[in-house]
Amino acid sequence: VSPDGKHYAFGQPAPDKTKVATMHVVDVATGADHVFATPS
């Protein structure tokens, strides 16, 4: 959780090997989930 409590983050594996794992940054107030690919 961010120091100001406004966001939280978590990683998620891909559903299969044709895709990449992702990082999620969620806005607590709105619930908006910003998803970023992590191909490394």
Full PDB file with SEQRES, HELIX, SHEET, SSBOND, CRYST1, ORIGX, SCALE, CONECT and MASTER records, all heavy atoms in Angstrom:
SEQRES   1 A   40  VAL SER PRO ASP GLY LYS HIS TYR ALA PHE GLY GLN PRO          
SEQRES   2 A   40  ALA PRO ASP LYS THR LYS VAL ALA THR MET HIS VAL VAL          
SEQRES   3 A   40  ASP VAL ALA THR GLY ALA ASP HIS VAL PHE ALA THR PRO          
SEQRES   4 A   40  SER                                                          
SHEET    1 AA1 3 HIS A   7  GLN A  12  0                                        
SHEET    2 AA1 3 THR A  22  ASP A  27 -1                                        
SHEET    3 AA1 3 ASP A  33  ALA A  37 -1                                        
CRYST1    1.000    1.000    1.000  90.00  90.00  90.00 P 1           1          
ORIGX1      1.000000  0.000000  0.000000        0.00000                         
ORIGX2      0.000000  1.000000  0.000000        0.00000                         
ORIGX3      0.000000  0.000000  1.000000        0.00000                         
SCALE1      1.000000  0.000000  0.000000        0.00000                         
SCALE2      0.000000  1.000000  0.000000        0.00000                         
SCALE3      0.000000  0.000000  1.000000        0.00000                         
ATOM      1  N   VAL A   1       0.851  -1.194   0.000  1.00  0.00           N  
ATOM      2  CA  VAL A   1       0.000   0.000   0.000  1.00  0.00           C  
ATOM      3  C   VAL A   1       0.884   1.240   0.000  1.00  0.00           C  
ATOM      4  O   VAL A   1       1.873   1.306   0.731  1.00  0.00           O  
ATOM      5  CB  VAL A   1      -0.939   0.006   1.229  1.00  0.00           C  
ATOM      6  CG1 VAL A   1      -1.866   1.216   1.203  1.00  0.00           C  
ATOM      7  CG2 VAL A   1      -1.745  -1.294   1.284  1.00  0.00           C  
ATOM      8  N   SER A   2       0.512   2.232  -0.797  1.00  0.00           N  
ATOM      9  CA  SER A   2       1.296   3.465  -0.871  1.00  0.00           C  
ATOM     10  C   SER A   2       1.289   4.190   0.461  1.00  0.00           C  
ATOM     11  O   SER A   2       0.362   4.025   1.268  1.00  0.00           O  
ATOM     12  CB  SER A   2       0.744   4.378  -1.968  1.00  0.00           C  
ATOM     13  OG  SER A   2      -0.591   4.767  -1.679  1.00  0.00           O  
ATOM     14  N   PRO A   3       2.298   5.017   0.751  1.00  0.00           N  
ATOM     15  CA  PRO A   3       2.372   5.700   2.046  1.00  0.00           C  
ATOM     16  C   PRO A   3       1.152   6.552   2.365  1.00  0.00           C  
ATOM     17  O   PRO A   3       0.779   6.681   3.534  1.00  0.00           O  
ATOM     18  CB  PRO A   3       3.642   6.563   1.914  1.00  0.00           C  
ATOM     19  CG  PRO A   3       4.486   5.846   0.918  1.00  0.00           C  
ATOM     20  CD  PRO A   3       3.521   5.255  -0.069  1.00  0.00           C  
ATOM     21  N   ASP A   4       0.497   7.123   1.333  1.00  0.00           N  
ATOM     22  CA  ASP A   4      -0.684   7.945   1.576  1.00  0.00           C  
ATOM     23  C   ASP A   4      -1.975   7.138   1.573  1.00  0.00           C  
ATOM     24  O   ASP A   4      -3.059   7.691   1.766  1.00  0.00           O  
ATOM     25  CB  ASP A   4      -0.774   9.077   0.557  1.00  0.00           C  
ATOM     26  CG  ASP A   4      -0.813   8.585  -0.891  1.00  0.00           C  
ATOM     27  OD1 ASP A   4      -0.973   7.360  -1.117  1.00  0.00           O  
ATOM     28  OD2 ASP A   4      -0.663   9.418  -1.804  1.00  0.00           O  
ATOM     29  N   GLY A   5      -1.876   5.838   1.347  1.00  0.00           N  
ATOM     30  CA  GLY A   5      -3.057   4.984   1.365  1.00  0.00           C  
ATOM     31  C   GLY A   5      -3.938   5.096   0.139  1.00  0.00           C  
ATOM     32  O   GLY A   5      -5.020   4.502   0.098  1.00  0.00           O  
ATOM     33  N   LYS A   6      -3.491   5.795  -0.899  1.00  0.00           N  
ATOM     34  CA  LYS A   6      -4.342   6.031  -2.069  1.00  0.00           C  
ATOM     35  C   LYS A   6      -4.269   4.919  -3.106  1.00  0.00           C  
ATOM     36  O   LYS A   6      -5.165   4.802  -3.957  1.00  0.00           O  
ATOM     37  CB  LYS A   6      -3.974   7.362  -2.724  1.00  0.00           C  
ATOM     38  CG  LYS A   6      -4.304   8.580  -1.865  1.00  0.00           C  
ATOM     39  CD  LYS A   6      -3.947   9.874  -2.600  1.00  0.00           C  
ATOM     40  CE  LYS A   6      -4.319  11.093  -1.760  1.00  0.00           C  
ATOM     41  NZ  LYS A   6      -3.998  12.356  -2.463  1.00  0.00           N  
ATOM     42  N   HIS A   7      -3.222   4.105  -3.075  1.00  0.00           N  
ATOM     43  CA  HIS A   7      -3.045   3.060  -4.077  1.00  0.00           C  
ATOM     44  C   HIS A   7      -2.482   1.795  -3.424  1.00  0.00           C  
ATOM     45  O   HIS A   7      -1.861   1.862  -2.365  1.00  0.00           O  
ATOM     46  CB  HIS A   7      -2.090   3.516  -5.184  1.00  0.00           C  
ATOM     47  CG  HIS A   7      -2.521   4.743  -5.908  1.00  0.00           C  
ATOM     48  ND1 HIS A   7      -2.161   6.018  -5.488  1.00  0.00           N  
ATOM     49  CD2 HIS A   7      -3.293   4.913  -7.014  1.00  0.00           C  
ATOM     50  CE1 HIS A   7      -2.691   6.912  -6.309  1.00  0.00           C  
ATOM     51  NE2 HIS A   7      -3.378   6.273  -7.232  1.00  0.00           N  
ATOM     52  N   TYR A   8      -2.721   0.684  -4.082  1.00  0.00           N  
ATOM     53  CA  TYR A   8      -2.041  -0.552  -3.695  1.00  0.00           C  
ATOM     54  C   TYR A   8      -1.663  -1.302  -4.956  1.00  0.00           C  
ATOM     55  O   TYR A   8      -2.193  -1.043  -6.049  1.00  0.00           O  
ATOM     56  CB  TYR A   8      -2.885  -1.407  -2.758  1.00  0.00           C  
ATOM     57  CG  TYR A   8      -4.161  -1.983  -3.324  1.00  0.00           C  
ATOM     58  CD1 TYR A   8      -4.185  -3.242  -3.943  1.00  0.00           C  
ATOM     59  CD2 TYR A   8      -5.373  -1.302  -3.207  1.00  0.00           C  
ATOM     60  CE1 TYR A   8      -5.353  -3.799  -4.433  1.00  0.00           C  
ATOM     61  CE2 TYR A   8      -6.555  -1.839  -3.699  1.00  0.00           C  
ATOM     62  CZ  TYR A   8      -6.533  -3.094  -4.303  1.00  0.00           C  
ATOM     63  OH  TYR A   8      -7.701  -3.635  -4.791  1.00  0.00           O  
ATOM     64  N   ALA A   9      -0.707  -2.240  -4.806  1.00  0.00           N  
ATOM     65  CA  ALA A   9      -0.159  -2.922  -5.975  1.00  0.00           C  
ATOM     66  C   ALA A   9      -0.007  -4.410  -5.703  1.00  0.00           C  
ATOM     67  O   ALA A   9       0.167  -4.840  -4.558  1.00  0.00           O  
ATOM     68  CB  ALA A   9       1.192  -2.314  -6.352  1.00  0.00           C  
ATOM     69  N   PHE A  10      -0.067  -5.193  -6.769  1.00  0.00           N  
ATOM     70  CA  PHE A  10       0.182  -6.620  -6.670  1.00  0.00           C  
ATOM     71  C   PHE A  10       0.563  -7.165  -8.043  1.00  0.00           C  
ATOM     72  O   PHE A  10       0.220  -6.590  -9.088  1.00  0.00           O  
ATOM     73  CB  PHE A  10      -1.036  -7.378  -6.125  1.00  0.00           C  
ATOM     74  CG  PHE A  10      -2.272  -7.300  -6.987  1.00  0.00           C  
ATOM     75  CD1 PHE A  10      -2.530  -8.250  -7.970  1.00  0.00           C  
ATOM     76  CD2 PHE A  10      -3.188  -6.269  -6.808  1.00  0.00           C  
ATOM     77  CE1 PHE A  10      -3.675  -8.188  -8.754  1.00  0.00           C  
ATOM     78  CE2 PHE A  10      -4.335  -6.184  -7.589  1.00  0.00           C  
ATOM     79  CZ  PHE A  10      -4.573  -7.149  -8.571  1.00  0.00           C  
ATOM     80  N   GLY A  11       1.323  -8.268  -8.046  1.00  0.00           N  
ATOM     81  CA  GLY A  11       1.698  -8.937  -9.281  1.00  0.00           C  
ATOM     82  C   GLY A  11       0.806 -10.129  -9.534  1.00  0.00           C  
ATOM     83  O   GLY A  11       0.243 -10.709  -8.601  1.00  0.00           O  
ATOM     84  N   GLN A  12       0.674 -10.497 -10.796  1.00  0.00           N  
ATOM     85  CA  GLN A  12      -0.193 -11.608 -11.156  1.00  0.00           C  
ATOM     86  C   GLN A  12       0.439 -12.418 -12.290  1.00  0.00           C  
ATOM     87  O   GLN A  12       0.902 -11.841 -13.286  1.00  0.00           O  
ATOM     88  CB  GLN A  12      -1.563 -11.086 -11.586  1.00  0.00           C  
ATOM     89  CG  GLN A  12      -2.663 -12.125 -11.608  1.00  0.00           C  
ATOM     90  CD  GLN A  12      -4.035 -11.475 -11.671  1.00  0.00           C  
ATOM     91  OE1 GLN A  12      -4.257 -10.514 -12.407  1.00  0.00           O  
ATOM     92  NE2 GLN A  12      -4.962 -11.984 -10.881  1.00  0.00           N  
ATOM     93  N   PRO A  13       0.479 -13.753 -12.159  1.00  0.00           N  
ATOM     94  CA  PRO A  13       1.026 -14.559 -13.247  1.00  0.00           C  
ATOM     95  C   PRO A  13       0.112 -14.535 -14.453  1.00  0.00           C  
ATOM     96  O   PRO A  13      -1.079 -14.249 -14.350  1.00  0.00           O  
ATOM     97  CB  PRO A  13       1.107 -15.962 -12.632  1.00  0.00           C  
ATOM     98  CG  PRO A  13       0.043 -15.966 -11.576  1.00  0.00           C  
ATOM     99  CD  PRO A  13       0.020 -14.566 -11.023  1.00  0.00           C  
ATOM    100  N   ALA A  14       0.685 -14.849 -15.612  1.00  0.00           N  
ATOM    101  CA  ALA A  14      -0.119 -14.929 -16.827  1.00  0.00           C  
ATOM    102  C   ALA A  14      -0.933 -16.222 -16.819  1.00  0.00           C  
ATOM    103  O   ALA A  14      -0.563 -17.202 -16.160  1.00  0.00           O  
ATOM    104  CB  ALA A  14       0.789 -14.886 -18.051  1.00  0.00           C  
ATOM    105  N   PRO A  15      -2.060 -16.260 -17.529  1.00  0.00           N  
ATOM    106  CA  PRO A  15      -2.868 -17.488 -17.555  1.00  0.00           C  
ATOM    107  C   PRO A  15      -2.185 -18.641 -18.269  1.00  0.00           C  
ATOM    108  O   PRO A  15      -2.470 -19.801 -17.987  1.00  0.00           O  
ATOM    109  CB  PRO A  15      -4.141 -17.051 -18.284  1.00  0.00           C  
ATOM    110  CG  PRO A  15      -3.738 -15.856 -19.089  1.00  0.00           C  
ATOM    111  CD  PRO A  15      -2.694 -15.159 -18.277  1.00  0.00           C  
ATOM    112  N   ASP A  16      -1.266 -18.350 -19.192  1.00  0.00           N  
ATOM    113  CA  ASP A  16      -0.524 -19.401 -19.877  1.00  0.00           C  
ATOM    114  C   ASP A  16       0.753 -18.791 -20.458  1.00  0.00           C  
ATOM    115  O   ASP A  16       0.969 -17.578 -20.398  1.00  0.00           O  
ATOM    116  CB  ASP A  16      -1.368 -20.054 -20.971  1.00  0.00           C  
ATOM    117  CG  ASP A  16      -1.875 -19.056 -22.003  1.00  0.00           C  
ATOM    118  OD1 ASP A  16      -1.040 -18.403 -22.678  1.00  0.00           O  
ATOM    119  OD2 ASP A  16      -3.108 -18.903 -22.131  1.00  0.00           O  
ATOM    120  N   LYS A  17       1.607 -19.639 -21.038  1.00  0.00           N  
ATOM    121  CA  LYS A  17       2.917 -19.193 -21.488  1.00  0.00           C  
ATOM    122  C   LYS A  17       2.887 -18.342 -22.748  1.00  0.00           C  
ATOM    123  O   LYS A  17       3.930 -17.827 -23.173  1.00  0.00           O  
ATOM    124  CB  LYS A  17       3.835 -20.389 -21.691  1.00  0.00           C  
ATOM    125  CG  LYS A  17       3.388 -21.360 -22.756  1.00  0.00           C  
ATOM    126  CD  LYS A  17       4.351 -22.530 -22.832  1.00  0.00           C  
ATOM    127  CE  LYS A  17       3.930 -23.556 -23.867  1.00  0.00           C  
ATOM    128  NZ  LYS A  17       4.860 -24.702 -23.907  1.00  0.00           N  
ATOM    129  N   THR A  18       1.722 -18.161 -23.339  1.00  0.00           N  
ATOM    130  CA  THR A  18       1.628 -17.282 -24.504  1.00  0.00           C  
ATOM    131  C   THR A  18       1.483 -15.821 -24.108  1.00  0.00           C  
ATOM    132  O   THR A  18       1.525 -14.944 -24.972  1.00  0.00           O  
ATOM    133  CB  THR A  18       0.430 -17.673 -25.392  1.00  0.00           C  
ATOM    134  OG1 THR A  18      -0.801 -17.420 -24.674  1.00  0.00           O  
ATOM    135  CG2 THR A  18       0.496 -19.139 -25.775  1.00  0.00           C  
ATOM    136  N   LYS A  19       1.314 -15.568 -22.807  1.00  0.00           N  
ATOM    137  CA  LYS A  19       1.137 -14.213 -22.321  1.00  0.00           C  
ATOM    138  C   LYS A  19       2.219 -13.901 -21.287  1.00  0.00           C  
ATOM    139  O   LYS A  19       3.054 -14.753 -20.974  1.00  0.00           O  
ATOM    140  CB  LYS A  19      -0.268 -14.031 -21.749  1.00  0.00           C  
ATOM    141  CG  LYS A  19      -1.368 -14.291 -22.775  1.00  0.00           C  
ATOM    142  CD  LYS A  19      -2.740 -14.171 -22.154  1.00  0.00           C  
ATOM    143  CE  LYS A  19      -3.833 -14.354 -23.201  1.00  0.00           C  
ATOM    144  NZ  LYS A  19      -3.786 -15.695 -23.817  1.00  0.00           N  
ATOM    145  N   VAL A  20       2.216 -12.682 -20.738  1.00  0.00           N  
ATOM    146  CA  VAL A  20       3.236 -12.282 -19.771  1.00  0.00           C  
ATOM    147  C   VAL A  20       2.588 -11.963 -18.435  1.00  0.00           C  
ATOM    148  O   VAL A  20       1.392 -11.650 -18.356  1.00  0.00           O  
ATOM    149  CB  VAL A  20       4.025 -11.051 -20.275  1.00  0.00           C  
ATOM    150  CG1 VAL A  20       4.773 -11.382 -21.549  1.00  0.00           C  
ATOM    151  CG2 VAL A  20       3.104  -9.848 -20.475  1.00  0.00           C  
ATOM    152  N   ALA A  21       3.396 -12.064 -17.390  1.00  0.00           N  
ATOM    153  CA  ALA A  21       2.928 -11.670 -16.061  1.00  0.00           C  
ATOM    154  C   ALA A  21       2.655 -10.171 -16.039  1.00  0.00           C  
ATOM    155  O   ALA A  21       3.189  -9.410 -16.856  1.00  0.00           O  
ATOM    156  CB  ALA A  21       3.970 -12.043 -15.015  1.00  0.00           C  
ATOM    157  N   THR A  22       1.825  -9.742 -15.103  1.00  0.00           N  
ATOM    158  CA  THR A  22       1.424  -8.333 -15.043  1.00  0.00           C  
ATOM    159  C   THR A  22       1.587  -7.764 -13.642  1.00  0.00           C  
ATOM    160  O   THR A  22       1.631  -8.495 -12.658  1.00  0.00           O  
ATOM    161  CB  THR A  22      -0.046  -8.157 -15.475  1.00  0.00           C  
ATOM    162  OG1 THR A  22      -0.877  -9.034 -14.679  1.00  0.00           O  
ATOM    163  CG2 THR A  22      -0.231  -8.485 -16.950  1.00  0.00           C  
ATOM    164  N   MET A  23       1.706  -6.447 -13.570  1.00  0.00           N  
ATOM    165  CA  MET A  23       1.639  -5.706 -12.311  1.00  0.00           C  
ATOM    166  C   MET A  23       0.377  -4.859 -12.328  1.00  0.00           C  
ATOM    167  O   MET A  23       0.028  -4.267 -13.356  1.00  0.00           O  
ATOM    168  CB  MET A  23       2.860  -4.801 -12.145  1.00  0.00           C  
ATOM    169  CG  MET A  23       4.090  -5.487 -11.593  1.00  0.00           C  
ATOM    170  SD  MET A  23       3.866  -6.196  -9.924  1.00  0.00           S  
ATOM    171  CE  MET A  23       3.433  -4.725  -8.985  1.00  0.00           C  
ATOM    172  N   HIS A  24      -0.288  -4.817 -11.171  1.00  0.00           N  
ATOM    173  CA  HIS A  24      -1.522  -4.055 -11.041  1.00  0.00           C  
ATOM    174  C   HIS A  24      -1.329  -2.955 -10.011  1.00  0.00           C  
ATOM    175  O   HIS A  24      -0.826  -3.206  -8.914  1.00  0.00           O  
ATOM    176  CB  HIS A  24      -2.667  -4.962 -10.594  1.00  0.00           C  
ATOM    177  CG  HIS A  24      -3.013  -6.032 -11.574  1.00  0.00           C  
ATOM    178  ND1 HIS A  24      -4.210  -6.071 -12.253  1.00  0.00           N  
ATOM    179  CD2 HIS A  24      -2.297  -7.116 -12.009  1.00  0.00           C  
ATOM    180  CE1 HIS A  24      -4.234  -7.121 -13.050  1.00  0.00           C  
ATOM    181  NE2 HIS A  24      -3.083  -7.772 -12.913  1.00  0.00           N  
ATOM    182  N   VAL A  25      -1.727  -1.743 -10.346  1.00  0.00           N  
ATOM    183  CA  VAL A  25      -1.731  -0.627  -9.408  1.00  0.00           C  
ATOM    184  C   VAL A  25      -3.168  -0.136  -9.338  1.00  0.00           C  
ATOM    185  O   VAL A  25      -3.733   0.337 -10.335  1.00  0.00           O  
ATOM    186  CB  VAL A  25      -0.792   0.511  -9.860  1.00  0.00           C  
ATOM    187  CG1 VAL A  25      -0.857   1.665  -8.864  1.00  0.00           C  
ATOM    188  CG2 VAL A  25       0.640   0.000  -9.988  1.00  0.00           C  
ATOM    189  N   VAL A  26      -3.773  -0.248  -8.169  1.00  0.00           N  
ATOM    190  CA  VAL A  26      -5.199   0.016  -8.000  1.00  0.00           C  
ATOM    191  C   VAL A  26      -5.410   1.313  -7.238  1.00  0.00           C  
ATOM    192  O   VAL A  26      -4.775   1.562  -6.205  1.00  0.00           O  
ATOM    193  CB  VAL A  26      -5.886  -1.147  -7.254  1.00  0.00           C  
ATOM    194  CG1 VAL A  26      -7.384  -0.888  -7.103  1.00  0.00           C  
ATOM    195  CG2 VAL A  26      -5.640  -2.467  -7.985  1.00  0.00           C  
ATOM    196  N   ASP A  27      -6.320   2.139  -7.740  1.00  0.00           N  
ATOM    197  CA  ASP A  27      -6.724   3.368  -7.069  1.00  0.00           C  
ATOM    198  C   ASP A  27      -7.783   3.012  -6.028  1.00  0.00           C  
ATOM    199  O   ASP A  27      -8.849   2.492  -6.363  1.00  0.00           O  
ATOM    200  CB  ASP A  27      -7.277   4.361  -8.094  1.00  0.00           C  
ATOM    201  CG  ASP A  27      -7.608   5.703  -7.484  1.00  0.00           C  
ATOM    202  OD1 ASP A  27      -8.634   5.801  -6.770  1.00  0.00           O  
ATOM    203  OD2 ASP A  27      -6.853   6.665  -7.714  1.00  0.00           O  
ATOM    204  N   VAL A  28      -7.492   3.277  -4.756  1.00  0.00           N  
ATOM    205  CA  VAL A  28      -8.397   2.873  -3.685  1.00  0.00           C  
ATOM    206  C   VAL A  28      -9.730   3.595  -3.778  1.00  0.00           C  
ATOM    207  O   VAL A  28     -10.796   3.002  -3.600  1.00  0.00           O  
ATOM    208  CB  VAL A  28      -7.748   3.113  -2.305  1.00  0.00           C  
ATOM    209  CG1 VAL A  28      -8.735   2.830  -1.180  1.00  0.00           C  
ATOM    210  CG2 VAL A  28      -6.499   2.250  -2.138  1.00  0.00           C  
ATOM    211  N   ALA A  29      -9.724   4.883  -4.072  1.00  0.00           N  
ATOM    212  CA  ALA A  29     -10.954   5.671  -4.089  1.00  0.00           C  
ATOM    213  C   ALA A  29     -11.912   5.225  -5.184  1.00  0.00           C  
ATOM    214  O   ALA A  29     -13.131   5.133  -4.970  1.00  0.00           O  
ATOM    215  CB  ALA A  29     -10.618   7.151  -4.243  1.00  0.00           C  
ATOM    216  N   THR A  30     -11.382   4.948  -6.369  1.00  0.00           N  
ATOM    217  CA  THR A  30     -12.242   4.636  -7.515  1.00  0.00           C  
ATOM    218  C   THR A  30     -12.281   3.153  -7.862  1.00  0.00           C  
ATOM    219  O   THR A  30     -13.188   2.706  -8.578  1.00  0.00           O  
ATOM    220  CB  THR A  30     -11.761   5.404  -8.760  1.00  0.00           C  
ATOM    221  OG1 THR A  30     -10.460   4.919  -9.141  1.00  0.00           O  
ATOM    222  CG2 THR A  30     -11.675   6.895  -8.469  1.00  0.00           C  
ATOM    223  N   GLY A  31     -11.308   2.397  -7.402  1.00  0.00           N  
ATOM    224  CA  GLY A  31     -11.223   0.993  -7.775  1.00  0.00           C  
ATOM    225  C   GLY A  31     -10.593   0.756  -9.131  1.00  0.00           C  
ATOM    226  O   GLY A  31     -10.506  -0.391  -9.587  1.00  0.00           O  
ATOM    227  N   ALA A  32     -10.142   1.819  -9.797  1.00  0.00           N  
ATOM    228  CA  ALA A  32      -9.530   1.685 -11.115  1.00  0.00           C  
ATOM    229  C   ALA A  32      -8.254   0.857 -11.022  1.00  0.00           C  
ATOM    230  O   ALA A  32      -7.379   1.155 -10.205  1.00  0.00           O  
ATOM    231  CB  ALA A  32      -9.234   3.057 -11.707  1.00  0.00           C  
ATOM    232  N   ASP A  33      -8.156  -0.171 -11.867  1.00  0.00           N  
ATOM    233  CA  ASP A  33      -7.022  -1.089 -11.860  1.00  0.00           C  
ATOM    234  C   ASP A  33      -6.170  -0.815 -13.093  1.00  0.00           C  
ATOM    235  O   ASP A  33      -6.592  -1.061 -14.225  1.00  0.00           O  
ATOM    236  CB  ASP A  33      -7.537  -2.521 -11.875  1.00  0.00           C  
ATOM    237  CG  ASP A  33      -6.416  -3.554 -11.763  1.00  0.00           C  
ATOM    238  OD1 ASP A  33      -5.243  -3.151 -11.707  1.00  0.00           O  
ATOM    239  OD2 ASP A  33      -6.728  -4.762 -11.742  1.00  0.00           O  
ATOM    240  N   HIS A  34      -4.957  -0.301 -12.872  1.00  0.00           N  
ATOM    241  CA  HIS A  34      -4.037  -0.013 -13.962  1.00  0.00           C  
ATOM    242  C   HIS A  34      -3.110  -1.218 -14.123  1.00  0.00           C  
ATOM    243  O   HIS A  34      -2.362  -1.570 -13.207  1.00  0.00           O  
ATOM    244  CB  HIS A  34      -3.236   1.252 -13.672  1.00  0.00           C  
ATOM    245  CG  HIS A  34      -4.112   2.440 -13.370  1.00  0.00           C  
ATOM    246  ND1 HIS A  34      -4.718   3.185 -14.344  1.00  0.00           N  
ATOM    247  CD2 HIS A  34      -4.492   2.982 -12.178  1.00  0.00           C  
ATOM    248  CE1 HIS A  34      -5.433   4.160 -13.790  1.00  0.00           C  
ATOM    249  NE2 HIS A  34      -5.311   4.053 -12.476  1.00  0.00           N  
ATOM    250  N   VAL A  35      -3.161  -1.872 -15.269  1.00  0.00           N  
ATOM    251  CA  VAL A  35      -2.453  -3.125 -15.513  1.00  0.00           C  
ATOM    252  C   VAL A  35      -1.255  -2.871 -16.428  1.00  0.00           C  
ATOM    253  O   VAL A  35      -1.393  -2.252 -17.487  1.00  0.00           O  
ATOM    254  CB  VAL A  35      -3.386  -4.174 -16.145  1.00  0.00           C  
ATOM    255  CG1 VAL A  35      -2.657  -5.503 -16.302  1.00  0.00           C  
ATOM    256  CG2 VAL A  35      -4.643  -4.353 -15.293  1.00  0.00           C  
ATOM    257  N   PHE A  36      -0.088  -3.358 -16.002  1.00  0.00           N  
ATOM    258  CA  PHE A  36       1.143  -3.171 -16.767  1.00  0.00           C  
ATOM    259  C   PHE A  36       1.772  -4.532 -17.069  1.00  0.00           C  
ATOM    260  O   PHE A  36       1.912  -5.373 -16.167  1.00  0.00           O  
ATOM    261  CB  PHE A  36       2.140  -2.319 -15.985  1.00  0.00           C  
ATOM    262  CG  PHE A  36       1.613  -0.963 -15.592  1.00  0.00           C  
ATOM    263  CD1 PHE A  36       1.119  -0.734 -14.318  1.00  0.00           C  
ATOM    264  CD2 PHE A  36       1.606   0.080 -16.510  1.00  0.00           C  
ATOM    265  CE1 PHE A  36       0.643   0.517 -13.954  1.00  0.00           C  
ATOM    266  CE2 PHE A  36       1.128   1.341 -16.158  1.00  0.00           C  
ATOM    267  CZ  PHE A  36       0.642   1.560 -14.886  1.00  0.00           C  
ATOM    268  N   ALA A  37       2.140  -4.741 -18.316  1.00  0.00           N  
ATOM    269  CA  ALA A  37       2.824  -5.974 -18.701  1.00  0.00           C  
ATOM    270  C   ALA A  37       4.252  -5.973 -18.160  1.00  0.00           C  
ATOM    271  O   ALA A  37       4.907  -4.938 -18.108  1.00  0.00           O  
ATOM    272  CB  ALA A  37       2.845  -6.109 -20.223  1.00  0.00           C  
ATOM    273  N   THR A  38       4.738  -7.155 -17.761  1.00  0.00           N  
ATOM    274  CA  THR A  38       6.106  -7.286 -17.246  1.00  0.00           C  
ATOM    275  C   THR A  38       6.799  -8.432 -17.981  1.00  0.00           C  
ATOM    276  O   THR A  38       6.985  -9.511 -17.425  1.00  0.00           O  
ATOM    277  CB  THR A  38       6.113  -7.540 -15.728  1.00  0.00           C  
ATOM    278  OG1 THR A  38       5.388  -8.763 -15.458  1.00  0.00           O  
ATOM    279  CG2 THR A  38       5.435  -6.407 -14.982  1.00  0.00           C  
ATOM    280  N   PRO A  39       7.180  -8.234 -19.218  1.00  0.00           N  
ATOM    281  CA  PRO A  39       7.727  -9.335 -20.020  1.00  0.00           C  
ATOM    282  C   PRO A  39       9.104  -9.817 -19.606  1.00  0.00           C  
ATOM    283  O   PRO A  39       9.593 -10.802 -20.133  1.00  0.00           O  
ATOM    284  CB  PRO A  39       7.769  -8.729 -21.431  1.00  0.00           C  
ATOM    285  CG  PRO A  39       7.877  -7.256 -21.206  1.00  0.00           C  
ATOM    286  CD  PRO A  39       7.082  -6.981 -19.969  1.00  0.00           C  
ATOM    287  N   SER A  40       9.746  -9.153 -18.635  1.00  0.00           N  
ATOM    288  CA  SER A  40      11.101  -9.571 -18.254  1.00  0.00           C  
ATOM    289  C   SER A  40      11.110 -10.782 -17.335  1.00  0.00           C  
ATOM    290  O   SER A  40      12.156 -11.361 -17.077  1.00  0.00           O  
ATOM    291  CB  SER A  40      11.839  -8.406 -17.573  1.00  0.00           C  
ATOM    292  OG  SER A  40      11.151  -8.015 -16.396  1.00  0.00           O  
TER     293      SER A  40                                                      
MASTER        0    0    0    0    3    0    0    6  292    1    0    4          
END                                                                             
